[in-house]
Protein backbone atom coordinates (compact mmCIF):
# COMPACT_ATOMS: atom_id res chain seq x y z
CA TRP A 1 -18.67 -0.82 -12.48
CA GLY A 2 -21.31 -0.72 -9.74
CA PRO A 3 -19.89 -0.44 -6.23
CA VAL A 4 -16.35 -1.18 -7.49
CA GLY A 5 -14.42 1.58 -9.27
CA ASN A 6 -12.85 1.37 -12.69
CA PRO A 7 -9.84 -0.88 -13.15
CA ILE A 8 -6.47 0.64 -14.10
CA TYR A 9 -6.78 2.11 -17.59
CA PRO A 10 -4.98 -0.12 -20.14
CA PRO A 11 -2.63 2.63 -21.43
CA ALA A 12 -1.65 3.38 -17.81
CA GLN A 13 -0.98 -0.33 -17.29
CA ARG A 14 1.27 -0.32 -20.36
CA GLU A 15 3.28 2.65 -19.02
CA LEU A 16 3.69 0.99 -15.64
CA THR A 17 4.77 -2.26 -17.29
CA ARG A 18 7.24 -0.32 -19.45
CA ARG A 19 8.70 1.09 -16.22
CA GLY A 20 9.02 -2.38 -14.70
CA ILE A 21 6.01 -2.11 -12.41
CA GLY A 22 3.39 -4.83 -12.32
CA GLY A 23 5.28 -8.05 -11.89
CA THR A 24 4.56 -8.65 -8.21
CA ALA A 25 1.54 -9.91 -6.28
CA TYR A 26 1.04 -6.40 -4.88
CA THR A 27 1.01 -4.75 -8.32
CA ASN A 28 -1.08 -7.36 -10.12
CA TRP A 29 -3.61 -5.33 -12.15
CA LYS A 30 -6.53 -7.78 -11.73
CA ASN A 31 -7.46 -6.62 -8.24
CA LYS A 32 -6.70 -2.89 -8.56
CA HIS A 33 -9.49 -0.37 -9.07
CA ALA A 34 -10.38 3.22 -8.33
CA VAL A 35 -12.04 4.13 -5.05
CA GLN A 36 -14.02 7.22 -4.17
CA VAL A 37 -12.80 9.42 -1.32
CA LYS A 38 -15.13 9.16 1.69
CA LYS A 39 -15.82 11.65 4.47
CA THR A 40 -14.28 9.21 6.98
CA ASP A 41 -10.98 9.21 5.04
CA TYR A 42 -10.18 12.63 6.49
CA GLY A 43 -9.96 11.25 10.00
CA TYR A 44 -8.12 8.12 8.93
CA TYR A 45 -5.33 9.54 6.73
CA ASP A 46 -2.65 12.09 7.58
CA TYR A 47 -2.39 13.30 3.97
CA LEU A 48 -4.84 13.36 1.07
CA LEU A 49 -2.68 14.20 -1.94
CA CYS A 50 -4.41 15.31 -5.11
CA ALA A 51 -3.51 15.48 -8.79
CA ASP A 52 -5.15 18.83 -9.55
CA SER A 53 -7.17 21.69 -8.09
CA ASN A 54 -10.48 20.04 -9.06
CA ASN A 55 -9.46 17.01 -6.99
CA VAL A 56 -8.64 19.33 -4.07
CA ARG A 57 -12.05 21.06 -4.30
CA ASN A 58 -13.96 17.79 -4.62
CA THR A 59 -12.03 16.18 -1.76
CA MET A 60 -12.79 19.18 0.47
CA ARG A 61 -16.45 19.00 -0.52
CA ILE A 62 -16.63 15.28 0.30
CA THR A 63 -14.72 15.50 3.58
CA GLY A 64 -16.42 18.68 4.76
CA GLY A 65 -13.38 20.96 4.59
CA ASP A 66 -9.75 20.81 5.52
CA PRO A 67 -9.19 22.24 9.02
CA ASP A 68 -5.91 20.29 9.45
CA SER A 69 -4.42 21.12 6.01
CA LYS A 70 -4.29 17.46 4.98
CA ILE A 71 -5.60 18.02 1.44
CA GLN A 72 -2.83 19.19 -0.88
CA LEU A 73 -1.54 18.99 -4.42
CA LEU A 74 1.09 16.29 -4.83
CA LEU A 75 3.32 18.49 -6.99
CA ASP A 76 3.51 21.13 -4.23
CA TYR A 77 5.97 18.74 -2.57
CA ALA A 78 8.14 18.81 -5.68
CA GLY A 79 8.50 22.59 -5.55
CA ARG A 80 5.90 22.93 -8.30
CA THR A 81 3.38 24.85 -6.22
CA GLY A 82 -0.10 24.97 -7.69
CA GLN A 83 0.76 22.74 -10.65
CA SER A 84 -1.34 19.78 -11.71
CA ILE A 85 -0.18 16.34 -12.73
CA ALA A 86 -0.47 16.09 -16.51
CA ASP A 87 -3.84 14.45 -17.14
CA PRO A 88 -3.31 11.57 -19.56
CA TRP A 89 -7.04 11.40 -20.26
CA TYR A 90 -6.68 14.66 -22.19
CA THR A 91 -3.03 14.57 -23.25
CA GLY A 92 -2.65 10.86 -24.01
CA ASN A 93 0.85 11.23 -22.56
CA PHE A 94 1.07 8.60 -19.82
CA GLU A 95 4.87 8.96 -19.68
CA ARG A 96 4.59 12.61 -18.64
CA SER A 97 1.94 11.78 -16.04
CA TYR A 98 4.14 9.03 -14.63
CA ASP A 99 7.11 11.41 -14.44
CA ASP A 100 4.97 14.05 -12.66
CA ILE A 101 3.78 11.49 -10.10
CA VAL A 102 7.30 10.23 -9.44
CA ASP A 103 8.51 13.83 -9.06
CA GLY A 104 5.73 14.56 -6.56
CA LEU A 105 6.28 11.35 -4.60
CA ASN A 106 10.02 11.92 -4.40
CA GLY A 107 9.35 15.41 -3.07
CA PHE A 108 6.83 14.06 -0.57
CA LEU A 109 9.30 11.43 0.67
CA GLU A 110 11.96 14.11 1.08
CA TYR A 111 9.47 16.25 3.03
CA LEU A 112 8.73 13.31 5.34
CA ARG A 113 12.45 12.58 5.84
CA THR A 114 13.37 16.22 6.44
CA ASN A 115 10.63 16.55 9.06
CA GLY A 116 11.51 13.29 10.83
CA LEU A 117 8.23 11.66 9.87
CA ILE A 118 9.89 8.53 8.46
């Protein structure tokens, strides 16, 4: 894909559509694609939430470490410390991956609310 990352994987698009996501200008699949974490992202973002421990390691390698504890597993916020989001590339189960992500995001939102960050 050259300088532009891969588009959203078709089975992932189908799961999102099944869940009612994708019918707005913001969620139009045509312009969505993966992006690589950059070293400068560490200074720009308050949180860099990862799907699994490999993502954490690679993000730390790219950013040069994590002195401010910004790099974390998403599911840690759901009380599932150290757990990875089910990887649909290996499991083929996009529904489970979706559920894991929603669980993590709900936990993250609750963390932000509880700490007066939103």
